[in-house]
Amino acid sequence: MQTETASTATVSAVLARVPVLCLLLLAAALAGCGSGNDGPGQATFQGPTLAHPATPPEFTLTDQHGRTIQLAALHGKVVLLTFLYTHCPDVCPLTASSLNTTLQRLGSRRNEVEVLAVSVDPVGDTPRSVSAFLRAHRLLPEFRYLTGPRRTLVRVWRAYDVKAVRNGKDGGVDHTLYTMLIDREGTARVLYDATARPDAITHDVRQLLAA
């Protein structure tokens, strides 16, 4: 099973087709060629900066505690949004670990941050498997694993141009994987691929917390 990650070509093609996002990427940043900023006196990021920040599409899903989570209701907090599934053998656990490490490094300020992991596997991501995933990776309370009916999740995937295809042979899911950093005003600012390290993510989150 191979998981589709947010490579330069993939993300550029994917998000360019989402008019509501208007997320035109800095190609150099996606290629790993340094950081970007939004102008003098504004935040400078280590991750791939979005050239034209915009408001991501709204959605409503349910977290691991049965609570309703609305993206728009999280204004005032910094949000890290990604797409995972609990039975993933490789990059999903890596991404979850990196985001959890970021939360740990923020100390008391992590209560100003939410990680939203949207399921790409409505069949396999049962309450039991989600609970096991959270325990196995010791994910902090600020890490929200979001699920919902397939039709609802499909709408979210389409809005974010995430591809999720179940592999009939091993039950795995081939899917697009990236992490979006959203500021307190609900604007997408940075887009990381699956190789993003906690150092860069933590630095960028701190930039937004200090803004």
N, C-alpha and C. Protein backbone atom coordinates (compact mmCIF):
# COMPACT_ATOMS: atom_id res chain seq x y z
N MET A 1 0.85 -1.19 0.00
CA MET A 1 0.00 0.00 0.00
C MET A 1 0.88 1.24 0.00
N GLN A 2 0.60 2.15 -0.92
CA GLN A 2 1.33 3.39 -0.96
C GLN A 2 0.38 4.53 -0.70
N THR A 3 0.77 5.41 0.20
CA THR A 3 -0.07 6.54 0.53
C THR A 3 0.36 7.75 -0.28
N GLU A 4 -0.57 8.44 -0.89
CA GLU A 4 -0.27 9.61 -1.69
C GLU A 4 -0.01 10.77 -0.76
N THR A 5 1.17 11.35 -0.82
CA THR A 5 1.50 12.47 0.03
C THR A 5 1.41 13.77 -0.74
N ALA A 6 1.56 14.88 -0.02
CA ALA A 6 1.41 16.19 -0.63
C ALA A 6 2.71 16.63 -1.26
N SER A 7 3.08 16.03 -2.37
CA SER A 7 4.27 16.45 -3.10
C SER A 7 4.00 17.78 -3.78
N THR A 8 5.04 18.41 -4.31
CA THR A 8 4.87 19.70 -4.97
C THR A 8 3.83 19.62 -6.08
N ALA A 9 3.96 18.64 -6.98
CA ALA A 9 3.04 18.54 -8.10
C ALA A 9 1.64 18.23 -7.63
N THR A 10 1.51 17.30 -6.67
CA THR A 10 0.19 16.90 -6.19
C THR A 10 -0.54 18.05 -5.55
N VAL A 11 0.10 18.72 -4.59
CA VAL A 11 -0.58 19.78 -3.87
C VAL A 11 -0.88 20.96 -4.77
N SER A 12 0.05 21.32 -5.64
CA SER A 12 -0.20 22.43 -6.56
C SER A 12 -1.41 22.14 -7.43
N ALA A 13 -1.48 20.92 -7.97
CA ALA A 13 -2.60 20.55 -8.84
C ALA A 13 -3.89 20.44 -8.05
N VAL A 14 -3.79 19.84 -6.85
CA VAL A 14 -4.99 19.59 -6.05
C VAL A 14 -5.64 20.88 -5.61
N LEU A 15 -4.89 21.73 -4.93
CA LEU A 15 -5.50 22.90 -4.32
C LEU A 15 -5.79 23.99 -5.33
N ALA A 16 -5.12 23.98 -6.45
CA ALA A 16 -5.42 24.97 -7.48
C ALA A 16 -6.81 24.75 -8.05
N ARG A 17 -7.36 23.54 -7.89
CA ARG A 17 -8.68 23.23 -8.43
C ARG A 17 -9.80 23.52 -7.43
N VAL A 18 -9.46 24.11 -6.26
CA VAL A 18 -10.48 24.37 -5.25
C VAL A 18 -10.72 25.87 -5.19
N PRO A 19 -11.68 26.41 -5.95
CA PRO A 19 -11.88 27.85 -6.02
C PRO A 19 -12.11 28.49 -4.66
N VAL A 20 -12.85 27.83 -3.76
CA VAL A 20 -13.17 28.43 -2.47
C VAL A 20 -11.93 28.65 -1.64
N LEU A 21 -10.89 27.86 -1.86
CA LEU A 21 -9.67 28.03 -1.10
C LEU A 21 -8.76 29.10 -1.69
N CYS A 22 -8.68 29.16 -3.01
CA CYS A 22 -7.77 30.08 -3.69
C CYS A 22 -6.36 29.96 -3.13
N LEU A 23 -5.92 28.73 -2.91
CA LEU A 23 -4.62 28.51 -2.28
C LEU A 23 -3.57 28.25 -3.35
N LEU A 24 -2.95 29.33 -3.81
CA LEU A 24 -1.86 29.20 -4.77
C LEU A 24 -0.57 29.08 -3.99
N LEU A 25 0.18 27.99 -4.22
CA LEU A 25 1.34 27.68 -3.40
C LEU A 25 2.60 28.30 -3.93
N LEU A 26 3.52 28.57 -3.04
CA LEU A 26 4.86 28.97 -3.42
C LEU A 26 5.63 27.70 -3.80
N ALA A 27 5.94 27.54 -5.07
CA ALA A 27 6.57 26.31 -5.52
C ALA A 27 7.91 26.08 -4.84
N ALA A 28 8.66 27.12 -4.62
CA ALA A 28 9.96 26.97 -3.97
C ALA A 28 9.82 26.45 -2.56
N ALA A 29 8.80 26.92 -1.87
CA ALA A 29 8.60 26.47 -0.49
C ALA A 29 8.22 25.01 -0.47
N LEU A 30 7.33 24.59 -1.38
CA LEU A 30 6.92 23.19 -1.43
C LEU A 30 8.08 22.29 -1.82
N ALA A 31 9.05 22.82 -2.53
CA ALA A 31 10.22 22.04 -2.89
C ALA A 31 11.23 21.99 -1.76
N GLY A 32 10.91 22.63 -0.64
CA GLY A 32 11.78 22.61 0.52
C GLY A 32 12.86 23.66 0.46
N CYS A 33 12.64 24.73 -0.33
CA CYS A 33 13.67 25.75 -0.50
C CYS A 33 13.45 26.92 0.44
N GLY A 34 13.41 26.66 1.73
CA GLY A 34 13.36 27.73 2.71
C GLY A 34 11.95 28.12 3.10
N SER A 35 11.86 29.21 3.86
CA SER A 35 10.60 29.66 4.42
C SER A 35 10.06 30.84 3.63
N GLY A 36 8.84 31.23 3.99
CA GLY A 36 8.24 32.39 3.37
C GLY A 36 7.66 33.29 4.42
N ASN A 37 7.30 34.53 4.02
CA ASN A 37 6.61 35.42 4.95
C ASN A 37 5.62 36.26 4.19
N ASP A 38 4.78 36.97 4.93
CA ASP A 38 3.72 37.75 4.33
C ASP A 38 4.05 39.23 4.27
N GLY A 39 5.28 39.59 4.52
CA GLY A 39 5.65 41.00 4.45
C GLY A 39 6.36 41.44 5.71
N PRO A 40 6.93 42.66 5.68
CA PRO A 40 7.67 43.18 6.82
C PRO A 40 6.83 43.20 8.08
N GLY A 41 7.41 42.75 9.18
CA GLY A 41 6.73 42.80 10.47
C GLY A 41 5.73 41.70 10.68
N GLN A 42 5.55 40.81 9.69
CA GLN A 42 4.59 39.72 9.84
C GLN A 42 5.30 38.40 10.06
N ALA A 43 4.52 37.36 10.36
CA ALA A 43 5.09 36.07 10.72
C ALA A 43 5.94 35.50 9.58
N THR A 44 7.06 34.92 9.96
CA THR A 44 7.91 34.20 9.02
C THR A 44 7.84 32.73 9.36
N PHE A 45 7.53 31.91 8.38
CA PHE A 45 7.30 30.50 8.61
C PHE A 45 8.42 29.65 8.04
N GLN A 46 8.63 28.49 8.66
CA GLN A 46 9.58 27.52 8.14
C GLN A 46 8.93 26.56 7.16
N GLY A 47 7.63 26.39 7.29
CA GLY A 47 6.91 25.50 6.38
C GLY A 47 6.55 26.21 5.09
N PRO A 48 6.02 25.45 4.09
CA PRO A 48 5.63 26.01 2.79
C PRO A 48 4.47 27.00 2.94
N THR A 49 4.76 28.27 2.73
CA THR A 49 3.78 29.33 2.94
C THR A 49 2.83 29.46 1.75
N LEU A 50 1.56 29.67 2.04
CA LEU A 50 0.57 29.87 0.99
C LEU A 50 0.69 31.29 0.45
N ALA A 51 0.80 31.41 -0.86
CA ALA A 51 1.00 32.72 -1.47
C ALA A 51 -0.23 33.61 -1.30
N HIS A 52 -1.39 33.01 -1.35
CA HIS A 52 -2.63 33.77 -1.23
C HIS A 52 -3.51 33.13 -0.16
N PRO A 53 -3.28 33.45 1.12
CA PRO A 53 -4.06 32.83 2.20
C PRO A 53 -5.55 33.08 2.02
N ALA A 54 -6.36 32.09 2.37
CA ALA A 54 -7.80 32.20 2.25
C ALA A 54 -8.47 31.35 3.32
N THR A 55 -9.77 31.50 3.44
CA THR A 55 -10.52 30.75 4.44
C THR A 55 -10.84 29.34 3.92
N PRO A 56 -10.41 28.29 4.63
CA PRO A 56 -10.71 26.93 4.19
C PRO A 56 -12.21 26.64 4.26
N PRO A 57 -12.69 25.67 3.51
CA PRO A 57 -14.11 25.32 3.54
C PRO A 57 -14.57 24.87 4.92
N GLU A 58 -15.77 25.26 5.26
CA GLU A 58 -16.35 24.91 6.57
C GLU A 58 -16.79 23.44 6.57
N PHE A 59 -16.78 22.82 7.75
CA PHE A 59 -17.32 21.48 7.92
C PHE A 59 -17.70 21.27 9.37
N THR A 60 -18.53 20.26 9.58
CA THR A 60 -18.94 19.85 10.93
C THR A 60 -18.80 18.34 11.01
N LEU A 61 -17.99 17.86 11.97
CA LEU A 61 -17.78 16.43 12.17
C LEU A 61 -17.81 16.14 13.67
N THR A 62 -17.57 14.88 14.04
CA THR A 62 -17.65 14.46 15.44
C THR A 62 -16.30 13.95 15.90
N ASP A 63 -15.87 14.39 17.10
CA ASP A 63 -14.56 13.93 17.59
C ASP A 63 -14.70 12.63 18.37
N GLN A 64 -13.59 12.18 18.93
CA GLN A 64 -13.54 10.88 19.61
C GLN A 64 -14.40 10.82 20.86
N HIS A 65 -14.83 11.98 21.37
CA HIS A 65 -15.67 12.02 22.56
C HIS A 65 -17.14 12.21 22.22
N GLY A 66 -17.45 12.20 20.93
CA GLY A 66 -18.83 12.41 20.51
C GLY A 66 -19.23 13.86 20.44
N ARG A 67 -18.26 14.77 20.57
CA ARG A 67 -18.55 16.20 20.50
C ARG A 67 -18.58 16.67 19.06
N THR A 68 -19.49 17.58 18.77
CA THR A 68 -19.57 18.18 17.44
C THR A 68 -18.48 19.24 17.31
N ILE A 69 -17.68 19.12 16.24
CA ILE A 69 -16.61 20.07 15.99
C ILE A 69 -16.89 20.80 14.69
N GLN A 70 -17.01 22.12 14.78
CA GLN A 70 -17.18 22.97 13.61
C GLN A 70 -15.91 23.78 13.42
N LEU A 71 -15.39 23.79 12.22
CA LEU A 71 -14.16 24.53 11.96
C LEU A 71 -14.32 26.00 12.29
N ALA A 72 -15.43 26.60 11.88
CA ALA A 72 -15.64 28.03 12.11
C ALA A 72 -15.71 28.37 13.59
N ALA A 73 -16.15 27.41 14.41
CA ALA A 73 -16.26 27.66 15.86
C ALA A 73 -14.90 27.72 16.54
N LEU A 74 -13.84 27.35 15.82
CA LEU A 74 -12.50 27.34 16.41
C LEU A 74 -11.74 28.64 16.16
N HIS A 75 -12.41 29.65 15.61
CA HIS A 75 -11.77 30.95 15.44
C HIS A 75 -11.29 31.44 16.81
N GLY A 76 -10.10 31.99 16.84
CA GLY A 76 -9.48 32.38 18.10
C GLY A 76 -8.41 31.40 18.52
N LYS A 77 -8.43 30.21 17.89
CA LYS A 77 -7.40 29.21 18.14
C LYS A 77 -6.60 28.97 16.86
N VAL A 78 -5.38 28.49 17.03
CA VAL A 78 -4.59 28.04 15.89
C VAL A 78 -4.96 26.58 15.63
N VAL A 79 -5.17 26.23 14.36
CA VAL A 79 -5.63 24.89 14.01
C VAL A 79 -4.64 24.23 13.05
N LEU A 80 -4.36 22.96 13.32
CA LEU A 80 -3.60 22.11 12.41
C LEU A 80 -4.56 21.05 11.88
N LEU A 81 -4.84 21.09 10.59
CA LEU A 81 -5.83 20.20 9.98
C LEU A 81 -5.13 19.19 9.08
N THR A 82 -5.43 17.90 9.30
CA THR A 82 -4.82 16.86 8.48
C THR A 82 -5.84 15.77 8.19
N PHE A 83 -5.43 14.73 7.43
CA PHE A 83 -6.33 13.66 6.99
C PHE A 83 -5.62 12.32 7.20
N LEU A 84 -6.21 11.46 8.06
CA LEU A 84 -5.55 10.22 8.47
C LEU A 84 -6.53 9.05 8.48
N TYR A 85 -5.99 7.85 8.70
CA TYR A 85 -6.83 6.71 9.07
C TYR A 85 -6.08 5.82 10.05
N THR A 86 -6.82 5.17 10.92
CA THR A 86 -6.23 4.53 12.10
C THR A 86 -5.44 3.28 11.78
N HIS A 87 -5.73 2.60 10.67
CA HIS A 87 -5.03 1.36 10.34
C HIS A 87 -3.84 1.60 9.40
N CYS A 88 -3.52 2.82 9.16
CA CYS A 88 -2.39 3.17 8.30
C CYS A 88 -1.08 2.68 8.93
N PRO A 89 -0.24 1.99 8.15
CA PRO A 89 0.98 1.42 8.72
C PRO A 89 2.19 2.34 8.67
N ASP A 90 2.08 3.50 8.01
CA ASP A 90 3.30 4.28 7.80
C ASP A 90 3.14 5.77 8.07
N VAL A 91 2.73 6.55 7.07
CA VAL A 91 2.81 8.01 7.21
C VAL A 91 1.76 8.60 8.16
N CYS A 92 0.61 7.96 8.32
CA CYS A 92 -0.39 8.52 9.24
C CYS A 92 0.12 8.53 10.69
N PRO A 93 0.67 7.43 11.20
CA PRO A 93 1.25 7.49 12.54
C PRO A 93 2.38 8.50 12.65
N LEU A 94 3.17 8.63 11.58
CA LEU A 94 4.27 9.60 11.59
C LEU A 94 3.72 11.02 11.70
N THR A 95 2.70 11.32 10.93
CA THR A 95 2.09 12.64 10.97
C THR A 95 1.46 12.90 12.34
N ALA A 96 0.73 11.92 12.85
CA ALA A 96 0.11 12.07 14.17
C ALA A 96 1.16 12.33 15.24
N SER A 97 2.27 11.59 15.18
CA SER A 97 3.35 11.77 16.15
C SER A 97 3.97 13.16 16.06
N SER A 98 4.18 13.64 14.84
CA SER A 98 4.77 14.97 14.66
C SER A 98 3.86 16.06 15.21
N LEU A 99 2.57 15.93 14.96
CA LEU A 99 1.62 16.94 15.46
C LEU A 99 1.49 16.86 16.98
N ASN A 100 1.53 15.64 17.52
CA ASN A 100 1.46 15.48 18.97
C ASN A 100 2.71 16.04 19.64
N THR A 101 3.86 15.84 19.03
CA THR A 101 5.10 16.40 19.56
C THR A 101 5.04 17.92 19.56
N THR A 102 4.46 18.48 18.52
CA THR A 102 4.27 19.93 18.47
C THR A 102 3.44 20.40 19.66
N LEU A 103 2.34 19.71 19.94
CA LEU A 103 1.51 20.07 21.09
C LEU A 103 2.31 19.99 22.39
N GLN A 104 3.09 18.94 22.54
CA GLN A 104 3.89 18.76 23.75
C GLN A 104 4.87 19.91 23.93
N ARG A 105 5.49 20.33 22.85
CA ARG A 105 6.50 21.38 22.93
C ARG A 105 5.91 22.75 23.22
N LEU A 106 4.63 22.90 22.97
CA LEU A 106 3.98 24.20 23.23
C LEU A 106 3.69 24.41 24.71
N GLY A 107 3.78 23.35 25.51
CA GLY A 107 3.54 23.48 26.95
C GLY A 107 2.14 23.97 27.24
N SER A 108 2.02 24.93 28.13
CA SER A 108 0.70 25.42 28.54
C SER A 108 -0.05 26.12 27.42
N ARG A 109 0.66 26.54 26.40
CA ARG A 109 0.01 27.27 25.30
C ARG A 109 -0.71 26.33 24.33
N ARG A 110 -0.57 25.04 24.52
CA ARG A 110 -1.27 24.13 23.61
C ARG A 110 -2.78 24.20 23.76
N ASN A 111 -3.26 24.80 24.87
CA ASN A 111 -4.72 24.96 24.99
C ASN A 111 -5.25 26.02 24.02
N GLU A 112 -4.34 26.70 23.31
CA GLU A 112 -4.73 27.66 22.29
C GLU A 112 -4.66 27.05 20.89
N VAL A 113 -4.43 25.75 20.83
CA VAL A 113 -4.22 25.05 19.56
C VAL A 113 -5.13 23.83 19.49
N GLU A 114 -5.63 23.54 18.31
CA GLU A 114 -6.40 22.32 18.08
C GLU A 114 -5.81 21.58 16.89
N VAL A 115 -5.61 20.28 17.04
CA VAL A 115 -5.26 19.42 15.91
C VAL A 115 -6.53 18.70 15.48
N LEU A 116 -6.87 18.81 14.22
CA LEU A 116 -8.05 18.13 13.67
C LEU A 116 -7.58 17.10 12.66
N ALA A 117 -7.81 15.83 12.94
CA ALA A 117 -7.45 14.75 12.03
C ALA A 117 -8.75 14.19 11.44
N VAL A 118 -9.00 14.49 10.19
CA VAL A 118 -10.22 14.04 9.53
C VAL A 118 -10.01 12.63 8.98
N SER A 119 -10.91 11.74 9.30
CA SER A 119 -10.82 10.35 8.84
C SER A 119 -10.96 10.25 7.32
N VAL A 120 -10.13 9.40 6.72
CA VAL A 120 -10.31 9.06 5.30
C VAL A 120 -10.78 7.61 5.16
N ASP A 121 -11.23 7.04 6.28
CA ASP A 121 -11.66 5.63 6.28
C ASP A 121 -12.90 5.46 7.15
N PRO A 122 -14.09 5.81 6.63
CA PRO A 122 -15.30 5.69 7.43
C PRO A 122 -15.67 4.25 7.79
N VAL A 123 -15.11 3.28 7.08
CA VAL A 123 -15.37 1.87 7.40
C VAL A 123 -14.49 1.41 8.56
N GLY A 124 -13.20 1.64 8.45
CA GLY A 124 -12.27 1.14 9.45
C GLY A 124 -12.11 2.00 10.68
N ASP A 125 -12.43 3.28 10.59
CA ASP A 125 -12.25 4.18 11.73
C ASP A 125 -13.48 4.13 12.64
N THR A 126 -13.63 3.01 13.30
CA THR A 126 -14.71 2.81 14.27
C THR A 126 -14.33 3.48 15.59
N PRO A 127 -15.28 3.70 16.48
CA PRO A 127 -14.93 4.25 17.80
C PRO A 127 -13.85 3.45 18.51
N ARG A 128 -13.91 2.13 18.37
CA ARG A 128 -12.91 1.29 19.02
C ARG A 128 -11.52 1.50 18.42
N SER A 129 -11.43 1.54 17.08
CA SER A 129 -10.13 1.70 16.45
C SER A 129 -9.56 3.10 16.68
N VAL A 130 -10.43 4.08 16.72
CA VAL A 130 -9.97 5.45 17.01
C VAL A 130 -9.41 5.53 18.42
N SER A 131 -10.13 4.95 19.38
CA SER A 131 -9.64 4.94 20.77
C SER A 131 -8.30 4.24 20.89
N ALA A 132 -8.17 3.11 20.18
CA ALA A 132 -6.91 2.36 20.21
C ALA A 132 -5.77 3.18 19.60
N PHE A 133 -6.06 3.89 18.51
CA PHE A 133 -5.05 4.72 17.85
C PHE A 133 -4.59 5.84 18.77
N LEU A 134 -5.53 6.49 19.42
CA LEU A 134 -5.20 7.59 20.34
C LEU A 134 -4.35 7.10 21.50
N ARG A 135 -4.71 5.92 22.04
CA ARG A 135 -3.94 5.36 23.16
C ARG A 135 -2.55 4.93 22.71
N ALA A 136 -2.49 4.25 21.58
CA ALA A 136 -1.21 3.71 21.11
C ALA A 136 -0.19 4.81 20.86
N HIS A 137 -0.66 5.96 20.41
CA HIS A 137 0.26 7.05 20.08
C HIS A 137 0.28 8.14 21.15
N ARG A 138 -0.43 7.87 22.27
CA ARG A 138 -0.44 8.79 23.42
C ARG A 138 -0.77 10.22 23.00
N LEU A 139 -1.81 10.34 22.20
CA LEU A 139 -2.19 11.63 21.67
C LEU A 139 -2.88 12.48 22.74
N LEU A 140 -2.52 13.74 22.78
CA LEU A 140 -3.01 14.65 23.80
C LEU A 140 -4.47 15.03 23.55
N PRO A 141 -5.14 15.58 24.57
CA PRO A 141 -6.56 15.92 24.42
C PRO A 141 -6.85 16.94 23.32
N GLU A 142 -5.86 17.75 22.98
CA GLU A 142 -6.06 18.75 21.92
C GLU A 142 -6.06 18.12 20.53
N PHE A 143 -5.77 16.83 20.47
CA PHE A 143 -5.77 16.10 19.20
C PHE A 143 -7.17 15.53 18.99
N ARG A 144 -7.92 16.09 18.06
CA ARG A 144 -9.30 15.67 17.79
C ARG A 144 -9.34 14.78 16.55
N TYR A 145 -9.76 13.54 16.75
CA TYR A 145 -9.90 12.63 15.61
C TYR A 145 -11.35 12.71 15.15
N LEU A 146 -11.56 13.19 13.92
CA LEU A 146 -12.91 13.51 13.46
C LEU A 146 -13.45 12.45 12.51
N THR A 147 -14.64 12.00 12.80
CA THR A 147 -15.33 11.02 11.97
C THR A 147 -16.74 11.50 11.67
N GLY A 148 -17.44 10.73 10.86
CA GLY A 148 -18.81 11.05 10.50
C GLY A 148 -19.31 10.07 9.48
N PRO A 149 -20.57 10.21 9.04
CA PRO A 149 -21.10 9.35 7.99
C PRO A 149 -20.27 9.50 6.71
N ARG A 150 -20.21 8.45 5.94
CA ARG A 150 -19.41 8.50 4.72
C ARG A 150 -19.78 9.68 3.83
N ARG A 151 -21.08 9.93 3.65
CA ARG A 151 -21.49 11.01 2.76
C ARG A 151 -20.98 12.36 3.25
N THR A 152 -20.91 12.53 4.58
CA THR A 152 -20.40 13.78 5.13
C THR A 152 -18.90 13.90 4.93
N LEU A 153 -18.19 12.79 5.19
CA LEU A 153 -16.75 12.80 4.98
C LEU A 153 -16.39 13.02 3.51
N VAL A 154 -17.14 12.41 2.62
CA VAL A 154 -16.87 12.59 1.19
C VAL A 154 -16.98 14.06 0.80
N ARG A 155 -17.96 14.77 1.37
CA ARG A 155 -18.09 16.19 1.07
C ARG A 155 -16.86 16.97 1.55
N VAL A 156 -16.35 16.60 2.72
CA VAL A 156 -15.16 17.26 3.24
C VAL A 156 -13.96 16.95 2.35
N TRP A 157 -13.80 15.68 1.98
CA TRP A 157 -12.67 15.31 1.09
C TRP A 157 -12.73 16.11 -0.21
N ARG A 158 -13.91 16.21 -0.77
CA ARG A 158 -14.04 16.93 -2.04
C ARG A 158 -13.71 18.41 -1.86
N ALA A 159 -14.17 18.99 -0.77
CA ALA A 159 -13.92 20.41 -0.52
C ALA A 159 -12.43 20.69 -0.41
N TYR A 160 -11.68 19.73 0.14
CA TYR A 160 -10.24 19.90 0.31
C TYR A 160 -9.44 19.13 -0.74
N ASP A 161 -10.14 18.61 -1.72
CA ASP A 161 -9.56 17.82 -2.81
C ASP A 161 -8.64 16.72 -2.28
N VAL A 162 -9.13 16.01 -1.30
CA VAL A 162 -8.42 14.85 -0.74
C VAL A 162 -8.97 13.60 -1.42
N LYS A 163 -8.07 12.80 -1.95
CA LYS A 163 -8.46 11.54 -2.59
C LYS A 163 -8.31 10.41 -1.58
N ALA A 164 -9.32 9.56 -1.45
CA ALA A 164 -9.28 8.43 -0.53
C ALA A 164 -9.87 7.21 -1.23
N VAL A 165 -9.03 6.22 -1.52
CA VAL A 165 -9.46 5.03 -2.26
C VAL A 165 -9.05 3.79 -1.47
N ARG A 166 -10.04 2.97 -1.13
CA ARG A 166 -9.76 1.74 -0.38
C ARG A 166 -9.12 0.70 -1.28
N ASN A 167 -8.04 0.10 -0.76
CA ASN A 167 -7.34 -0.97 -1.46
C ASN A 167 -7.99 -2.30 -1.10
N GLY A 168 -8.59 -2.95 -2.08
CA GLY A 168 -9.33 -4.18 -1.82
C GLY A 168 -8.47 -5.34 -1.34
N LYS A 169 -7.16 -5.30 -1.62
CA LYS A 169 -6.31 -6.42 -1.27
C LYS A 169 -5.98 -6.47 0.21
N ASP A 170 -5.58 -5.35 0.78
CA ASP A 170 -5.14 -5.35 2.18
C ASP A 170 -6.00 -4.49 3.09
N GLY A 171 -7.04 -3.88 2.54
CA GLY A 171 -7.91 -3.05 3.36
C GLY A 171 -7.35 -1.68 3.66
N GLY A 172 -6.17 -1.37 3.10
CA GLY A 172 -5.57 -0.06 3.30
C GLY A 172 -6.28 1.00 2.47
N VAL A 173 -5.92 2.23 2.72
CA VAL A 173 -6.52 3.36 2.00
C VAL A 173 -5.40 4.20 1.39
N ASP A 174 -5.41 4.32 0.07
CA ASP A 174 -4.51 5.23 -0.60
C ASP A 174 -5.15 6.62 -0.54
N HIS A 175 -4.43 7.59 0.00
CA HIS A 175 -5.07 8.89 0.20
C HIS A 175 -4.07 10.03 0.15
N THR A 176 -4.60 11.21 -0.12
CA THR A 176 -3.81 12.44 -0.07
C THR A 176 -3.56 12.79 1.39
N LEU A 177 -2.32 13.15 1.68
CA LEU A 177 -1.99 13.52 3.06
C LEU A 177 -1.20 14.82 3.08
N TYR A 178 -1.78 15.82 3.70
CA TYR A 178 -1.07 17.06 3.98
C TYR A 178 -1.61 17.61 5.29
N THR A 179 -0.92 18.59 5.85
CA THR A 179 -1.38 19.26 7.06
C THR A 179 -1.44 20.75 6.80
N MET A 180 -2.58 21.35 7.08
CA MET A 180 -2.79 22.78 6.86
C MET A 180 -2.75 23.52 8.20
N LEU A 181 -1.99 24.60 8.25
CA LEU A 181 -1.92 25.44 9.44
C LEU A 181 -2.83 26.64 9.24
N ILE A 182 -3.78 26.80 10.16
CA ILE A 182 -4.81 27.84 10.06
C ILE A 182 -4.66 28.79 11.24
N ASP A 183 -4.67 30.09 10.98
CA ASP A 183 -4.44 31.06 12.05
C ASP A 183 -5.71 31.33 12.86
N ARG A 184 -5.58 32.22 13.84
CA ARG A 184 -6.70 32.50 14.77
C ARG A 184 -7.92 33.09 14.06
N GLU A 185 -7.69 33.73 12.91
CA GLU A 185 -8.80 34.33 12.17
C GLU A 185 -9.46 33.34 11.21
N GLY A 186 -8.97 32.12 11.20
CA GLY A 186 -9.54 31.10 10.33
C GLY A 186 -9.01 31.14 8.91
N THR A 187 -7.77 31.65 8.74
CA THR A 187 -7.15 31.74 7.43
C THR A 187 -6.03 30.72 7.31
N ALA A 188 -6.01 29.97 6.22
CA ALA A 188 -4.95 28.99 5.98
C ALA A 188 -3.66 29.73 5.64
N ARG A 189 -2.57 29.35 6.32
CA ARG A 189 -1.31 30.09 6.15
C ARG A 189 -0.17 29.22 5.63
N VAL A 190 -0.10 27.94 6.04
CA VAL A 190 1.02 27.08 5.70
C VAL A 190 0.47 25.70 5.34
N LEU A 191 1.15 25.02 4.41
CA LEU A 191 0.74 23.68 4.01
C LEU A 191 1.96 22.77 4.06
N TYR A 192 1.90 21.74 4.91
CA TYR A 192 3.01 20.80 5.08
C TYR A 192 2.71 19.49 4.38
N ASP A 193 3.76 18.83 3.87
CA ASP A 193 3.58 17.48 3.38
C ASP A 193 3.88 16.49 4.51
N ALA A 194 3.89 15.20 4.18
CA ALA A 194 4.03 14.17 5.22
C ALA A 194 5.42 14.13 5.83
N THR A 195 6.38 14.82 5.22
CA THR A 195 7.75 14.80 5.76
C THR A 195 8.01 15.93 6.75
N ALA A 196 7.02 16.77 7.00
CA ALA A 196 7.21 17.92 7.89
C ALA A 196 7.62 17.46 9.29
N ARG A 197 8.61 18.13 9.85
CA ARG A 197 9.14 17.77 11.16
C ARG A 197 8.54 18.66 12.25
N PRO A 198 8.49 18.16 13.48
CA PRO A 198 7.92 18.94 14.59
C PRO A 198 8.61 20.28 14.81
N ASP A 199 9.93 20.36 14.56
CA ASP A 199 10.63 21.63 14.76
C ASP A 199 10.01 22.74 13.93
N ALA A 200 9.80 22.46 12.65
CA ALA A 200 9.24 23.48 11.76
C ALA A 200 7.79 23.80 12.12
N ILE A 201 7.01 22.76 12.41
CA ILE A 201 5.60 22.99 12.74
C ILE A 201 5.48 23.79 14.03
N THR A 202 6.26 23.42 15.04
CA THR A 202 6.22 24.13 16.32
C THR A 202 6.61 25.58 16.14
N HIS A 203 7.66 25.83 15.37
CA HIS A 203 8.09 27.20 15.11
C HIS A 203 6.96 28.02 14.49
N ASP A 204 6.28 27.44 13.50
CA ASP A 204 5.24 28.18 12.79
C ASP A 204 4.01 28.42 13.67
N VAL A 205 3.65 27.42 14.47
CA VAL A 205 2.52 27.60 15.39
C VAL A 205 2.85 28.72 16.38
N ARG A 206 4.05 28.74 16.89
CA ARG A 206 4.45 29.80 17.83
C ARG A 206 4.40 31.18 17.19
N GLN A 207 4.74 31.24 15.90
CA GLN A 207 4.63 32.51 15.19
C GLN A 207 3.19 33.02 15.22
N LEU A 208 2.25 32.14 15.00
CA LEU A 208 0.84 32.54 15.00
C LEU A 208 0.34 32.84 16.42
N LEU A 209 0.81 32.11 17.39
CA LEU A 209 0.40 32.39 18.77
C LEU A 209 0.91 33.73 19.24
N ALA A 210 2.05 34.14 18.71
CA ALA A 210 2.64 35.41 19.13
C ALA A 210 2.07 36.60 18.37
N ALA A 211 1.35 36.32 17.28
CA ALA A 211 0.84 37.41 16.44
C ALA A 211 -0.23 38.21 17.14
